[in-house]
Each structure stands twice: as structure tokens, then as C-alpha cells.
Amino acid sequence: MEWTEAIREAISYVEKHITEDITMYDVADHVHISPFYFHKGFSILCGYSITEYIRNRKLALAGQELLAEDISVIELAMKYGYDSPDSFTKAFTRFHGYSPSIVRRDKTMLKAFAPLQLTISLKGGYAMDYRITKKEAFTVLAVSREFSYQNAKQDIPLFYQEHYASGNGKYVCGMFGINIDPQMGNQRFEYLIADIYNPAIDIPKGFVVKTIPAFTWAVFPCKGALPQALQGVNEKIFSEWLPTLHDYEFAAGYCLSKSLIQYHLPPNSKAAITY
């Protein structure tokens, strides 16, 4: 599925199932994109995560119903998937700025949050450098840990801090950061801080050896101060490169970073991405 079409389909799916207990993983599965890439791409293109989008749509609709319908707070809480009226009231108040009781009593102003309308704007003359290359399988020595996609952005930097603070940098300096999720639909994935494996050296206790399969890659240069330069390349890939180059789409399973970032695709005319 084309990337922009997948986002539009995701938005449509959310609207059709807005009163159900849907998650990021349900939406990603519906559009056949791994949770990691879907979460990343949706956030870049839309300005907030799919989880935030679902929550905001629920609370906006609940506010409309509170004013227009004869419905209790308990019924609204149950309809939009909250465990209790108290948790619904707290979320409602954070979003609208007023509690449900005050809104109903005083007819206060509510925040609107309309369904997204995704459009692709033309931007003059920007050329994004990239190359397509094949890389053979290679083996790494690594320290490994599992993470959830939802919290990976915050947890992985802490993983690196812990790795170096413990002195493990003397065994693996961190040439690569590798995301592994072969099933492309799990809620968790394995992450490696890794270097090229030297079979002549003993494997330190607590470390693992992994072979990264051969893939075809799209390679993007990334120059400038981090993290701004890397975030800028990321944004252009999702907002400009993928929507216009229909020959390529994500194939998840392995995501590789090397002071750059590399996303893989198998060699069947689906490309990986690396900066």
C-alpha cells in the first residue's frame, strides 16, 4: 500500500471504529505497516502520534455529545473506552479545560478536533539525494534488550546511557543500533547496540552474536548537527520521498542505524532507507 494511501486508510479506520478500544497496533495492522514505521511516519506527517489522535477524537466527540445529547458521564465514559467515570473526567478536563459537569451546566466553549484531511503540497525544486544499494549479510557482537514501540523513543537513549556507564563500551562501542522485529506486527522488538563481530575474540558475558540478513537499501546522506539534521532527513523521507516515489515502500523487520539510520526492504523492488 502506498504510504499516503495508508495514512488516509488509517484515518478512515479510526473514524469507523472510534468507539472501540483500538490501539496503534490495530491501526498499523489494518494498513499492513509495522508498528514502528507506522508510529514514526504518522507522527512526522501529522504532528502527533496515532495514540494522541485517537484520544483527541474520542474526547472531541464526547464533548459534542455531552452538549447535544441526554447522555450521562458514565455512559460517555463506557462508550469511548474509559475504565471509569473518574478517568474519563480527568482526560476530558485536560483536553477541554473544563470538567463534564461544568460544560453541561454552563455550556462552556469546547475544543474541536476534526478528522485529519491529508494533503500533499508541491514544493519547488527540492532534490533529495539517495542511492539504492545491496548489502550482504554481516555478523555483529551486541548487547540486546527488548522495548515496546510506544516507549522506544524515550527508553532507547537510556539504554545507551546505561551501556556506556556500565563500562560495556570497551567491548562494543556502538557502531550500529539495530531494531529487530521479523514478524512486523509485535508490540515489542529487540534492539541491539552492536559492532562488527570478530570471531577471534571471546564473546563477553551478557553479549550476543547476531547475523543481519542481506537486504537492498535506500541510502540517504545526513549532514549537520544532531539530532536536528537527522530529524530533518526523517521528515523529508516521510513527507516528500515516499509519497512521490511509488516504487518503494517499507518492509520492516530490521532497522539499522550507523550514526546514520538505515531502514531495510527486501530486494523485490521495495526499498530500505538509510541516512
C-alpha atoms as a PDB file:
ATOM      1  CA  MET A   1       0.000   0.000   0.000  1.00  0.00           C
ATOM      2  CA  GLU A   2       1.319   3.469  -0.931  1.00  0.00           C
ATOM      3  CA  TRP A   3       2.393   5.427   2.147  1.00  0.00           C
ATOM      4  CA  THR A   4      -0.044   8.366   1.802  1.00  0.00           C
ATOM      5  CA  GLU A   5      -2.849   5.951   0.948  1.00  0.00           C
ATOM      6  CA  ALA A   6      -2.004   4.006   4.106  1.00  0.00           C
ATOM      7  CA  ILE A   7      -2.295   7.149   6.238  1.00  0.00           C
ATOM      8  CA  ARG A   8      -5.652   8.019   4.675  1.00  0.00           C
ATOM      9  CA  GLU A   9      -6.879   4.460   5.236  1.00  0.00           C
ATOM     10  CA  ALA A  10      -5.670   4.622   8.844  1.00  0.00           C
ATOM     11  CA  ILE A  11      -7.650   7.818   9.453  1.00  0.00           C
ATOM     12  CA  SER A  12     -10.748   6.236   7.893  1.00  0.00           C
ATOM     13  CA  TYR A  13     -10.309   3.116  10.035  1.00  0.00           C
ATOM     14  CA  VAL A  14     -10.063   5.200  13.218  1.00  0.00           C
ATOM     15  CA  GLU A  15     -13.277   7.079  12.377  1.00  0.00           C
ATOM     16  CA  LYS A  16     -15.173   3.848  11.694  1.00  0.00           C
ATOM     17  CA  HIS A  17     -14.018   2.286  14.970  1.00  0.00           C
ATOM     18  CA  ILE A  18     -13.753   5.376  17.171  1.00  0.00           C
ATOM     19  CA  THR A  19     -15.941   3.967  19.956  1.00  0.00           C
ATOM     20  CA  GLU A  20     -13.980   0.711  20.081  1.00  0.00           C
ATOM     21  CA  ASP A  21     -10.854   0.006  22.098  1.00  0.00           C
ATOM     22  CA  ILE A  22      -8.480   0.430  19.148  1.00  0.00           C
ATOM     23  CA  THR A  23      -4.740   0.883  19.558  1.00  0.00           C
ATOM     24  CA  MET A  24      -1.802   1.922  17.413  1.00  0.00           C
ATOM     25  CA  TYR A  25      -1.152  -1.764  16.757  1.00  0.00           C
ATOM     26  CA  ASP A  26      -4.691  -2.346  15.445  1.00  0.00           C
ATOM     27  CA  VAL A  27      -4.377   0.563  13.016  1.00  0.00           C
ATOM     28  CA  ALA A  28      -0.870  -0.427  11.861  1.00  0.00           C
ATOM     29  CA  ASP A  29      -2.042  -3.996  11.294  1.00  0.00           C
ATOM     30  CA  HIS A  30      -5.026  -2.753   9.263  1.00  0.00           C
ATOM     31  CA  VAL A  31      -2.790  -0.830   6.838  1.00  0.00           C
ATOM     32  CA  HIS A  32      -0.113  -3.569   6.799  1.00  0.00           C
ATOM     33  CA  ILE A  33       2.733  -1.413   8.107  1.00  0.00           C
ATOM     34  CA  SER A  34       4.870  -2.380  11.083  1.00  0.00           C
ATOM     35  CA  PRO A  35       4.008  -0.502  14.302  1.00  0.00           C
ATOM     36  CA  PHE A  36       7.485   1.054  14.421  1.00  0.00           C
ATOM     37  CA  TYR A  37       7.331   2.632  10.961  1.00  0.00           C
ATOM     38  CA  PHE A  38       3.646   3.499  11.188  1.00  0.00           C
ATOM     39  CA  HIS A  39       4.089   5.282  14.533  1.00  0.00           C
ATOM     40  CA  LYS A  40       7.141   7.139  13.207  1.00  0.00           C
ATOM     41  CA  GLY A  41       5.594   8.131   9.872  1.00  0.00           C
ATOM     42  CA  PHE A  42       2.227   9.160  11.287  1.00  0.00           C
ATOM     43  CA  SER A  43       3.879  11.336  13.933  1.00  0.00           C
ATOM     44  CA  ILE A  44       6.114  13.059  11.364  1.00  0.00           C
ATOM     45  CA  LEU A  45       3.368  13.695   8.833  1.00  0.00           C
ATOM     46  CA  CYS A  46       0.570  14.594  11.231  1.00  0.00           C
ATOM     47  CA  GLY A  47       2.383  16.294  14.124  1.00  0.00           C
ATOM     48  CA  TYR A  48       1.234  13.915  16.843  1.00  0.00           C
ATOM     49  CA  SER A  49       1.099  10.182  17.426  1.00  0.00           C
ATOM     50  CA  ILE A  50      -1.755   7.938  16.334  1.00  0.00           C
ATOM     51  CA  THR A  51      -2.496   7.307  20.029  1.00  0.00           C
ATOM     52  CA  GLU A  52      -2.892  11.052  20.644  1.00  0.00           C
ATOM     53  CA  TYR A  53      -5.063  11.345  17.536  1.00  0.00           C
ATOM     54  CA  ILE A  54      -7.427   8.576  18.671  1.00  0.00           C
ATOM     55  CA  ARG A  55      -7.664  10.043  22.198  1.00  0.00           C
ATOM     56  CA  ASN A  56      -8.326  13.572  20.933  1.00  0.00           C
ATOM     57  CA  ARG A  57     -11.003  12.424  18.501  1.00  0.00           C
ATOM     58  CA  LYS A  58     -12.764  10.459  21.258  1.00  0.00           C
ATOM     59  CA  LEU A  59     -12.741  13.415  23.661  1.00  0.00           C
ATOM     60  CA  ALA A  60     -13.858  15.888  20.993  1.00  0.00           C
ATOM     61  CA  LEU A  61     -16.808  13.671  20.070  1.00  0.00           C
ATOM     62  CA  ALA A  62     -17.632  13.093  23.725  1.00  0.00           C
ATOM     63  CA  GLY A  63     -17.795  16.855  24.253  1.00  0.00           C
ATOM     64  CA  GLN A  64     -20.191  17.273  21.351  1.00  0.00           C
ATOM     65  CA  GLU A  65     -22.449  14.542  22.684  1.00  0.00           C
ATOM     66  CA  LEU A  66     -22.350  15.946  26.192  1.00  0.00           C
ATOM     67  CA  LEU A  67     -23.878  19.203  24.959  1.00  0.00           C
ATOM     68  CA  ALA A  68     -26.206  17.815  22.309  1.00  0.00           C
ATOM     69  CA  GLU A  69     -27.454  14.549  23.815  1.00  0.00           C
ATOM     70  CA  ASP A  70     -29.174  13.458  27.015  1.00  0.00           C
ATOM     71  CA  ILE A  71     -26.363  11.113  27.990  1.00  0.00           C
ATOM     72  CA  SER A  72     -24.682  10.594  31.345  1.00  0.00           C
ATOM     73  CA  VAL A  73     -20.966  10.888  32.055  1.00  0.00           C
ATOM     74  CA  ILE A  74     -20.895   7.178  32.911  1.00  0.00           C
ATOM     75  CA  GLU A  75     -22.406   6.303  29.541  1.00  0.00           C
ATOM     76  CA  LEU A  76     -19.912   8.535  27.724  1.00  0.00           C
ATOM     77  CA  ALA A  77     -17.018   7.002  29.621  1.00  0.00           C
ATOM     78  CA  MET A  78     -18.137   3.492  28.675  1.00  0.00           C
ATOM     79  CA  LYS A  79     -18.870   4.447  25.057  1.00  0.00           C
ATOM     80  CA  TYR A  80     -15.391   5.870  24.471  1.00  0.00           C
ATOM     81  CA  GLY A  81     -13.482   3.124  26.238  1.00  0.00           C
ATOM     82  CA  TYR A  82     -12.595   4.595  29.640  1.00  0.00           C
ATOM     83  CA  ASP A  83     -12.313   2.321  32.663  1.00  0.00           C
ATOM     84  CA  SER A  84     -14.269   4.624  34.956  1.00  0.00           C
ATOM     85  CA  PRO A  85     -16.114   7.963  35.012  1.00  0.00           C
ATOM     86  CA  ASP A  86     -13.213   9.366  37.039  1.00  0.00           C
ATOM     87  CA  SER A  87     -10.564   8.538  34.424  1.00  0.00           C
ATOM     88  CA  PHE A  88     -12.851   9.902  31.699  1.00  0.00           C
ATOM     89  CA  THR A  89     -13.459  13.128  33.649  1.00  0.00           C
ATOM     90  CA  LYS A  90      -9.718  13.685  34.139  1.00  0.00           C
ATOM     91  CA  ALA A  91      -8.974  13.141  30.441  1.00  0.00           C
ATOM     92  CA  PHE A  92     -11.958  15.286  29.394  1.00  0.00           C
ATOM     93  CA  THR A  93     -10.855  18.125  31.673  1.00  0.00           C
ATOM     94  CA  ARG A  94      -7.253  18.036  30.397  1.00  0.00           C
ATOM     95  CA  PHE A  95      -8.450  18.210  26.814  1.00  0.00           C
ATOM     96  CA  HIS A  96     -11.314  20.716  27.015  1.00  0.00           C
ATOM     97  CA  GLY A  97     -10.168  22.737  30.036  1.00  0.00           C
ATOM     98  CA  TYR A  98     -13.428  22.135  31.907  1.00  0.00           C
ATOM     99  CA  SER A  99     -14.976  19.135  33.616  1.00  0.00           C
ATOM    100  CA  PRO A 100     -18.030  17.446  32.039  1.00  0.00           C
ATOM    101  CA  SER A 101     -20.304  18.774  34.797  1.00  0.00           C
ATOM    102  CA  ILE A 102     -19.200  22.381  34.216  1.00  0.00           C
ATOM    103  CA  VAL A 103     -19.551  22.019  30.444  1.00  0.00           C
ATOM    104  CA  ARG A 104     -23.095  20.711  30.771  1.00  0.00           C
ATOM    105  CA  ARG A 105     -24.091  23.290  33.393  1.00  0.00           C
ATOM    106  CA  ASP A 106     -22.510  26.401  31.882  1.00  0.00           C
ATOM    107  CA  LYS A 107     -22.491  25.463  28.177  1.00  0.00           C
ATOM    108  CA  THR A 108     -18.805  26.391  28.035  1.00  0.00           C
ATOM    109  CA  MET A 109     -16.707  26.518  24.878  1.00  0.00           C
ATOM    110  CA  LEU A 110     -15.277  23.179  23.835  1.00  0.00           C
ATOM    111  CA  LYS A 111     -12.204  22.263  21.829  1.00  0.00           C
ATOM    112  CA  ALA A 112     -12.871  20.920  18.365  1.00  0.00           C
ATOM    113  CA  PHE A 113     -10.662  18.226  16.869  1.00  0.00           C
ATOM    114  CA  ALA A 114     -11.797  17.363  13.362  1.00  0.00           C
ATOM    115  CA  PRO A 115     -10.754  14.245  11.421  1.00  0.00           C
ATOM    116  CA  LEU A 116      -7.466  14.711   9.590  1.00  0.00           C
ATOM    117  CA  GLN A 117      -7.556  15.600   5.921  1.00  0.00           C
ATOM    118  CA  LEU A 118      -4.233  14.510   4.445  1.00  0.00           C
ATOM    119  CA  THR A 119      -2.949  16.529   1.506  1.00  0.00           C
ATOM    120  CA  ILE A 120       0.421  16.538  -0.233  1.00  0.00           C
ATOM    121  CA  SER A 121       1.633  20.016  -1.174  1.00  0.00           C
ATOM    122  CA  LEU A 122       4.035  20.677  -4.024  1.00  0.00           C
ATOM    123  CA  LYS A 123       7.312  22.266  -3.015  1.00  0.00           C
ATOM    124  CA  GLY A 124       9.519  23.833  -5.652  1.00  0.00           C
ATOM    125  CA  GLY A 125      12.589  22.100  -6.873  1.00  0.00           C
ATOM    126  CA  TYR A 126      13.821  20.223  -3.814  1.00  0.00           C
ATOM    127  CA  ALA A 127      16.114  17.321  -4.765  1.00  0.00           C
ATOM    128  CA  MET A 128      16.614  14.608  -2.186  1.00  0.00           C
ATOM    129  CA  ASP A 129      19.828  12.652  -2.712  1.00  0.00           C
ATOM    130  CA  TYR A 130      19.684   8.907  -2.270  1.00  0.00           C
ATOM    131  CA  ARG A 131      21.102   5.724  -3.724  1.00  0.00           C
ATOM    132  CA  ILE A 132      19.901   2.129  -3.849  1.00  0.00           C
ATOM    133  CA  THR A 133      22.445  -0.460  -2.785  1.00  0.00           C
ATOM    134  CA  LYS A 134      22.624  -4.117  -1.836  1.00  0.00           C
ATOM    135  CA  LYS A 135      24.459  -5.225   1.300  1.00  0.00           C
ATOM    136  CA  GLU A 136      25.450  -8.784   2.059  1.00  0.00           C
ATOM    137  CA  ALA A 137      24.694 -10.421   5.402  1.00  0.00           C
ATOM    138  CA  PHE A 138      27.022  -9.474   8.242  1.00  0.00           C
ATOM    139  CA  THR A 139      27.511 -10.572  11.849  1.00  0.00           C
ATOM    140  CA  VAL A 140      27.619  -8.351  14.915  1.00  0.00           C
ATOM    141  CA  LEU A 141      28.579  -8.610  18.568  1.00  0.00           C
ATOM    142  CA  ALA A 142      25.938  -6.855  20.612  1.00  0.00           C
ATOM    143  CA  VAL A 143      24.195  -6.161  23.876  1.00  0.00           C
ATOM    144  CA  SER A 144      20.472  -6.817  23.473  1.00  0.00           C
ATOM    145  CA  ARG A 145      17.263  -5.626  25.121  1.00  0.00           C
ATOM    146  CA  GLU A 146      13.540  -5.666  24.355  1.00  0.00           C
ATOM    147  CA  PHE A 147      11.483  -2.465  24.075  1.00  0.00           C
ATOM    148  CA  SER A 148       7.878  -1.525  23.362  1.00  0.00           C
ATOM    149  CA  TYR A 149       7.294   0.581  20.266  1.00  0.00           C
ATOM    150  CA  GLN A 150       5.245   3.026  22.279  1.00  0.00           C
ATOM    151  CA  ASN A 151       8.096   3.987  24.638  1.00  0.00           C
ATOM    152  CA  ALA A 152      11.121   3.296  22.454  1.00  0.00           C
ATOM    153  CA  LYS A 153      11.882   6.961  21.735  1.00  0.00           C
ATOM    154  CA  GLN A 154      12.456   7.616  25.444  1.00  0.00           C
ATOM    155  CA  ASP A 155      13.829   4.213  26.520  1.00  0.00           C
ATOM    156  CA  ILE A 156      16.493   3.527  23.898  1.00  0.00           C
ATOM    157  CA  PRO A 157      18.603   6.631  24.729  1.00  0.00           C
ATOM    158  CA  LEU A 158      18.553   5.472  28.367  1.00  0.00           C
ATOM    159  CA  PHE A 159      19.743   2.044  27.175  1.00  0.00           C
ATOM    160  CA  TYR A 160      22.762   3.695  25.554  1.00  0.00           C
ATOM    161  CA  GLN A 161      23.499   5.720  28.688  1.00  0.00           C
ATOM    162  CA  GLU A 162      23.370   2.584  30.821  1.00  0.00           C
ATOM    163  CA  HIS A 163      25.565   0.688  28.353  1.00  0.00           C
ATOM    164  CA  TYR A 164      28.392   3.222  28.488  1.00  0.00           C
ATOM    165  CA  ALA A 165      28.032   3.957  32.208  1.00  0.00           C
ATOM    166  CA  SER A 166      28.499   0.246  32.974  1.00  0.00           C
ATOM    167  CA  GLY A 167      31.804   0.145  31.089  1.00  0.00           C
ATOM    168  CA  ASN A 168      30.481  -2.112  28.331  1.00  0.00           C
ATOM    169  CA  GLY A 169      31.660   0.402  25.748  1.00  0.00           C
ATOM    170  CA  LYS A 170      35.088  -1.268  25.949  1.00  0.00           C
ATOM    171  CA  TYR A 171      33.541  -4.379  24.373  1.00  0.00           C
ATOM    172  CA  VAL A 172      31.054  -2.734  21.981  1.00  0.00           C
ATOM    173  CA  CYS A 173      31.438   0.939  21.126  1.00  0.00           C
ATOM    174  CA  GLY A 174      28.082   1.145  19.327  1.00  0.00           C
ATOM    175  CA  MET A 175      28.909   1.215  15.628  1.00  0.00           C
ATOM    176  CA  PHE A 176      25.343   0.067  14.923  1.00  0.00           C
ATOM    177  CA  GLY A 177      21.938   0.376  16.528  1.00  0.00           C
ATOM    178  CA  ILE A 178      19.696  -2.426  15.241  1.00  0.00           C
ATOM    179  CA  ASN A 179      15.925  -2.835  15.595  1.00  0.00           C
ATOM    180  CA  ILE A 180      14.779  -6.452  15.030  1.00  0.00           C
ATOM    181  CA  ASP A 181      11.109  -7.400  14.592  1.00  0.00           C
ATOM    182  CA  PRO A 182      10.882 -10.158  11.937  1.00  0.00           C
ATOM    183  CA  GLN A 183       7.128 -10.661  12.468  1.00  0.00           C
ATOM    184  CA  MET A 184       6.476  -6.977  11.681  1.00  0.00           C
ATOM    185  CA  GLY A 185       3.491  -6.798  13.982  1.00  0.00           C
ATOM    186  CA  ASN A 186       4.699  -7.303  17.510  1.00  0.00           C
ATOM    187  CA  GLN A 187       4.157  -4.798  20.284  1.00  0.00           C
ATOM    188  CA  ARG A 188       7.779  -5.252  21.335  1.00  0.00           C
ATOM    189  CA  PHE A 189      11.049  -5.569  19.457  1.00  0.00           C
ATOM    190  CA  GLU A 190      14.661  -6.463  20.103  1.00  0.00           C
ATOM    191  CA  TYR A 191      17.233  -3.669  19.991  1.00  0.00           C
ATOM    192  CA  LEU A 192      20.993  -4.195  19.695  1.00  0.00           C
ATOM    193  CA  ILE A 193      23.895  -1.884  20.450  1.00  0.00           C
ATOM    194  CA  ALA A 194      26.399  -3.567  18.160  1.00  0.00           C
ATOM    195  CA  ASP A 195      29.797  -3.700  16.455  1.00  0.00           C
ATOM    196  CA  ILE A 196      31.088  -5.940  13.677  1.00  0.00           C
ATOM    197  CA  TYR A 197      31.847  -9.349  15.204  1.00  0.00           C
ATOM    198  CA  ASN A 198      35.448 -10.523  15.349  1.00  0.00           C
ATOM    199  CA  PRO A 199      35.408 -14.343  15.736  1.00  0.00           C
ATOM    200  CA  ALA A 200      38.958 -14.275  17.090  1.00  0.00           C
ATOM    201  CA  ILE A 201      37.744 -12.536  20.261  1.00  0.00           C
ATOM    202  CA  ASP A 202      35.830 -14.270  23.064  1.00  0.00           C
ATOM    203  CA  ILE A 203      32.194 -13.241  23.492  1.00  0.00           C
ATOM    204  CA  PRO A 204      31.898 -11.252  26.757  1.00  0.00           C
ATOM    205  CA  LYS A 205      29.356 -12.429  29.313  1.00  0.00           C
ATOM    206  CA  GLY A 206      25.924 -10.962  28.675  1.00  0.00           C
ATOM    207  CA  PHE A 207      26.613 -10.218  24.986  1.00  0.00           C
ATOM    208  CA  VAL A 208      25.111 -11.914  21.919  1.00  0.00           C
ATOM    209  CA  VAL A 209      26.177 -12.595  18.336  1.00  0.00           C
ATOM    210  CA  LYS A 210      23.607 -11.945  15.598  1.00  0.00           C
ATOM    211  CA  THR A 211      23.673 -12.176  11.807  1.00  0.00           C
ATOM    212  CA  ILE A 212      21.896  -9.403   9.902  1.00  0.00           C
ATOM    213  CA  PRO A 213      20.489 -10.776   6.619  1.00  0.00           C
ATOM    214  CA  ALA A 214      21.298  -9.407   3.177  1.00  0.00           C
ATOM    215  CA  PHE A 215      18.950  -6.623   2.041  1.00  0.00           C
ATOM    216  CA  THR A 216      18.517  -3.881  -0.535  1.00  0.00           C
ATOM    217  CA  TRP A 217      18.793  -0.363   0.940  1.00  0.00           C
ATOM    218  CA  ALA A 218      17.950   3.196   0.023  1.00  0.00           C
ATOM    219  CA  VAL A 219      20.779   5.324   1.392  1.00  0.00           C
ATOM    220  CA  PHE A 220      20.373   8.985   2.321  1.00  0.00           C
ATOM    221  CA  PRO A 221      23.198  11.324   3.307  1.00  0.00           C
ATOM    222  CA  CYS A 222      22.720  13.188   6.565  1.00  0.00           C
ATOM    223  CA  LYS A 223      24.940  16.194   7.268  1.00  0.00           C
ATOM    224  CA  GLY A 224      24.740  18.673  10.099  1.00  0.00           C
ATOM    225  CA  ALA A 225      24.260  18.864  13.846  1.00  0.00           C
ATOM    226  CA  LEU A 226      22.353  16.073  15.549  1.00  0.00           C
ATOM    227  CA  PRO A 227      19.562  15.478  16.228  1.00  0.00           C
ATOM    228  CA  GLN A 228      18.195  18.284  14.028  1.00  0.00           C
ATOM    229  CA  ALA A 229      19.845  17.087  10.806  1.00  0.00           C
ATOM    230  CA  LEU A 230      18.653  13.510  11.271  1.00  0.00           C
ATOM    231  CA  GLN A 231      15.123  14.610  12.138  1.00  0.00           C
ATOM    232  CA  GLY A 232      15.071  16.794   9.030  1.00  0.00           C
ATOM    233  CA  VAL A 233      16.021  13.892   6.768  1.00  0.00           C
ATOM    234  CA  ASN A 234      13.434  11.725   8.513  1.00  0.00           C
ATOM    235  CA  GLU A 235      10.708  14.274   7.865  1.00  0.00           C
ATOM    236  CA  LYS A 236      11.585  14.645   4.186  1.00  0.00           C
ATOM    237  CA  ILE A 237      11.577  10.864   3.660  1.00  0.00           C
ATOM    238  CA  PHE A 238       8.045  10.524   5.014  1.00  0.00           C
ATOM    239  CA  SER A 239       6.582  13.761   3.649  1.00  0.00           C
ATOM    240  CA  GLU A 240       8.330  14.072   0.265  1.00  0.00           C
ATOM    241  CA  TRP A 241      10.266  10.985  -0.829  1.00  0.00           C
ATOM    242  CA  LEU A 242       7.847   8.160  -0.012  1.00  0.00           C
ATOM    243  CA  PRO A 243       4.659   9.933  -1.215  1.00  0.00           C
ATOM    244  CA  THR A 244       6.175  10.684  -4.640  1.00  0.00           C
ATOM    245  CA  LEU A 245       8.225   7.538  -5.323  1.00  0.00           C
ATOM    246  CA  HIS A 246       5.604   4.830  -5.679  1.00  0.00           C
ATOM    247  CA  ASP A 247       8.133   2.090  -6.479  1.00  0.00           C
ATOM    248  CA  TYR A 248       9.242   1.931  -2.834  1.00  0.00           C
ATOM    249  CA  GLU A 249       7.548   1.012   0.402  1.00  0.00           C
ATOM    250  CA  PHE A 250       8.672  -0.079   3.836  1.00  0.00           C
ATOM    251  CA  ALA A 251       9.454  -3.670   4.649  1.00  0.00           C
ATOM    252  CA  ALA A 252      10.157  -3.830   8.357  1.00  0.00           C
ATOM    253  CA  GLY A 253      11.892  -6.479  10.376  1.00  0.00           C
ATOM    254  CA  TYR A 254      15.320  -4.912  10.641  1.00  0.00           C
ATOM    255  CA  CYS A 255      16.058  -1.240  11.192  1.00  0.00           C
ATOM    256  CA  LEU A 256      19.738  -0.353  11.244  1.00  0.00           C
ATOM    257  CA  SER A 257      21.461   2.810  12.410  1.00  0.00           C
ATOM    258  CA  LYS A 258      25.105   3.682  11.987  1.00  0.00           C
ATOM    259  CA  SER A 259      25.474   7.188  13.248  1.00  0.00           C
ATOM    260  CA  LEU A 260      23.030   7.389  10.385  1.00  0.00           C
ATOM    261  CA  ILE A 261      19.825   5.482  10.243  1.00  0.00           C
ATOM    262  CA  GLN A 262      19.006   2.669   7.892  1.00  0.00           C
ATOM    263  CA  TYR A 263      15.655   1.107   7.154  1.00  0.00           C
ATOM    264  CA  HIS A 264      15.615  -2.106   5.139  1.00  0.00           C
ATOM    265  CA  LEU A 265      13.490  -3.520   2.390  1.00  0.00           C
ATOM    266  CA  PRO A 266      13.942  -6.881   0.741  1.00  0.00           C
ATOM    267  CA  PRO A 267      15.260  -6.910  -2.841  1.00  0.00           C
ATOM    268  CA  ASN A 268      11.859  -7.204  -4.506  1.00  0.00           C
ATOM    269  CA  SER A 269      11.600  -3.598  -5.603  1.00  0.00           C
ATOM    270  CA  LYS A 270      10.736  -2.498  -2.095  1.00  0.00           C
ATOM    271  CA  ALA A 271      13.424  -0.325  -0.621  1.00  0.00           C
ATOM    272  CA  ALA A 272      15.037   0.194   2.714  1.00  0.00           C
ATOM    273  CA  ILE A 273      16.114   3.580   3.914  1.00  0.00           C
ATOM    274  CA  THR A 274      19.397   4.718   5.367  1.00  0.00           C
ATOM    275  CA  TYR A 275      20.798   8.106   6.174  1.00  0.00           C
END
